[in-house]
């Protein structure tokens, strides 16, 4: 993942990007994608994460209504991951269905 505005990003944007990436890299939870590396390439901030194959929750929602039990089955690990991050002082500022991945085994 790279900073969106690249060279147009303010110094504050760059700092926030690094702080968030490094905070995420310290989280170890089965429902949080691990961050492997945080750095810069040619002046462009980046962080690399584990590749997870699957579909986003947004895509799953777009398929139509889901049974209540499936919704609950997906939401429990999501809530546990958010709780874990919060308990370690990390606040995800962009939780939305397109940022939640459901792996090949149907786990969020």
Protein backbone atom coordinates (compact mmCIF):
# COMPACT_ATOMS: atom_id res chain seq x y z
CA UNK A 1 0.00 0.00 0.00
CA UNK A 2 1.32 3.42 -0.87
CA UNK A 3 0.26 6.88 0.15
CA UNK A 4 -2.44 7.98 -2.26
CA UNK A 5 -1.33 11.50 -3.06
CA UNK A 6 2.31 10.47 -3.42
CA UNK A 7 4.51 13.54 -3.80
CA UNK A 8 1.59 15.93 -3.23
CA UNK A 9 1.11 14.64 0.31
CA UNK A 10 1.90 17.12 3.04
CA UNK A 11 4.49 16.32 5.67
CA UNK A 12 1.60 15.78 8.12
CA UNK A 13 0.03 13.25 5.70
CA UNK A 14 3.34 11.41 5.44
CA UNK A 15 3.81 11.32 9.22
CA UNK A 16 0.26 10.05 9.76
CA UNK A 17 0.80 7.34 7.09
CA UNK A 18 3.97 6.10 8.84
CA UNK A 19 2.45 6.28 12.34
CA UNK A 20 -0.61 4.28 11.22
CA UNK A 21 1.46 1.73 9.29
CA UNK A 22 3.87 1.19 12.17
CA UNK A 23 1.00 0.89 14.69
CA UNK A 24 -0.68 -1.71 12.49
CA UNK A 25 2.60 -3.59 12.10
CA UNK A 26 2.68 -4.11 15.89
CA UNK A 27 -0.71 -5.86 15.89
CA UNK A 28 -0.75 -9.65 15.93
CA UNK A 29 -4.25 -11.05 15.61
CA UNK A 30 -5.67 -13.87 13.45
CA UNK A 31 -8.23 -11.50 11.89
CA UNK A 32 -5.88 -8.59 11.15
CA UNK A 33 -3.74 -8.80 8.02
CA UNK A 34 -0.08 -8.63 9.08
CA UNK A 35 2.11 -5.75 7.96
CA UNK A 36 5.57 -7.00 6.99
CA UNK A 37 7.47 -3.86 6.12
CA UNK A 38 7.14 -0.08 6.40
CA UNK A 39 9.44 2.19 4.42
CA UNK A 40 10.02 4.42 1.43
CA UNK A 41 10.96 3.74 -2.17
CA UNK A 42 12.20 6.72 -4.17
CA UNK A 43 10.65 9.04 -1.59
CA UNK A 44 7.27 7.28 -1.73
CA UNK A 45 6.03 5.91 1.62
CA UNK A 46 4.72 2.34 1.56
CA UNK A 47 3.88 -0.65 3.68
CA UNK A 48 3.60 -4.24 2.56
CA UNK A 49 1.04 -6.69 3.91
CA UNK A 50 0.33 -10.39 3.63
CA UNK A 51 -1.55 -11.26 0.45
CA UNK A 52 -4.96 -12.75 1.28
CA UNK A 53 -7.04 -14.36 -1.45
CA UNK A 54 -10.78 -13.83 -1.20
CA UNK A 55 -13.43 -11.18 -1.69
CA UNK A 56 -14.30 -8.02 0.16
CA UNK A 57 -17.32 -7.75 2.38
CA UNK A 58 -18.54 -5.07 -0.06
CA UNK A 59 -18.57 -7.63 -2.89
CA UNK A 60 -20.37 -10.15 -0.67
CA UNK A 61 -23.00 -7.56 0.25
CA UNK A 62 -23.46 -6.66 -3.43
CA UNK A 63 -24.47 -10.29 -4.10
CA UNK A 64 -27.65 -9.66 -2.13
CA UNK A 65 -29.00 -10.23 1.36
CA UNK A 66 -27.21 -12.77 3.53
CA UNK A 67 -28.77 -15.08 6.09
CA UNK A 68 -28.62 -13.65 9.62
CA UNK A 69 -26.44 -16.50 10.90
CA UNK A 70 -23.87 -15.82 8.18
CA UNK A 71 -23.83 -12.12 9.03
CA UNK A 72 -23.23 -12.92 12.70
CA UNK A 73 -20.55 -15.51 11.79
CA UNK A 74 -18.71 -12.83 9.78
CA UNK A 75 -19.18 -10.00 12.27
CA UNK A 76 -17.89 -11.80 15.38
CA UNK A 77 -14.24 -12.01 14.19
CA UNK A 78 -14.44 -8.49 12.77
CA UNK A 79 -15.60 -7.15 16.14
CA UNK A 80 -12.90 -9.14 17.95
CA UNK A 81 -10.21 -7.72 15.65
CA UNK A 82 -11.43 -4.15 16.16
CA UNK A 83 -11.60 -4.69 19.93
CA UNK A 84 -8.04 -6.08 19.91
CA UNK A 85 -6.73 -3.09 17.96
CA UNK A 86 -8.55 -0.65 20.26
CA UNK A 87 -7.18 -2.40 23.34
CA UNK A 88 -3.69 -1.66 21.99
CA UNK A 89 -4.44 1.98 21.26
CA UNK A 90 -4.94 1.57 17.50
CA UNK A 91 -8.02 3.20 15.99
CA UNK A 92 -8.85 2.14 12.42
CA UNK A 93 -10.04 5.32 10.75
CA UNK A 94 -11.49 3.71 7.63
CA UNK A 95 -13.53 0.63 8.56
CA UNK A 96 -15.89 -0.11 5.70
CA UNK A 97 -16.99 -3.21 3.77
CA UNK A 98 -14.43 -2.64 1.01
CA UNK A 99 -11.64 -2.79 3.63
CA UNK A 100 -12.80 -6.10 5.12
CA UNK A 101 -11.69 -9.25 3.37
CA UNK A 102 -13.39 -12.64 3.48
CA UNK A 103 -10.82 -15.33 2.74
CA UNK A 104 -11.22 -18.37 0.52
CA UNK A 105 -12.58 -20.33 3.50
CA UNK A 106 -15.34 -17.78 4.16
CA UNK A 107 -13.62 -16.24 7.22
CA UNK A 108 -13.48 -12.51 7.83
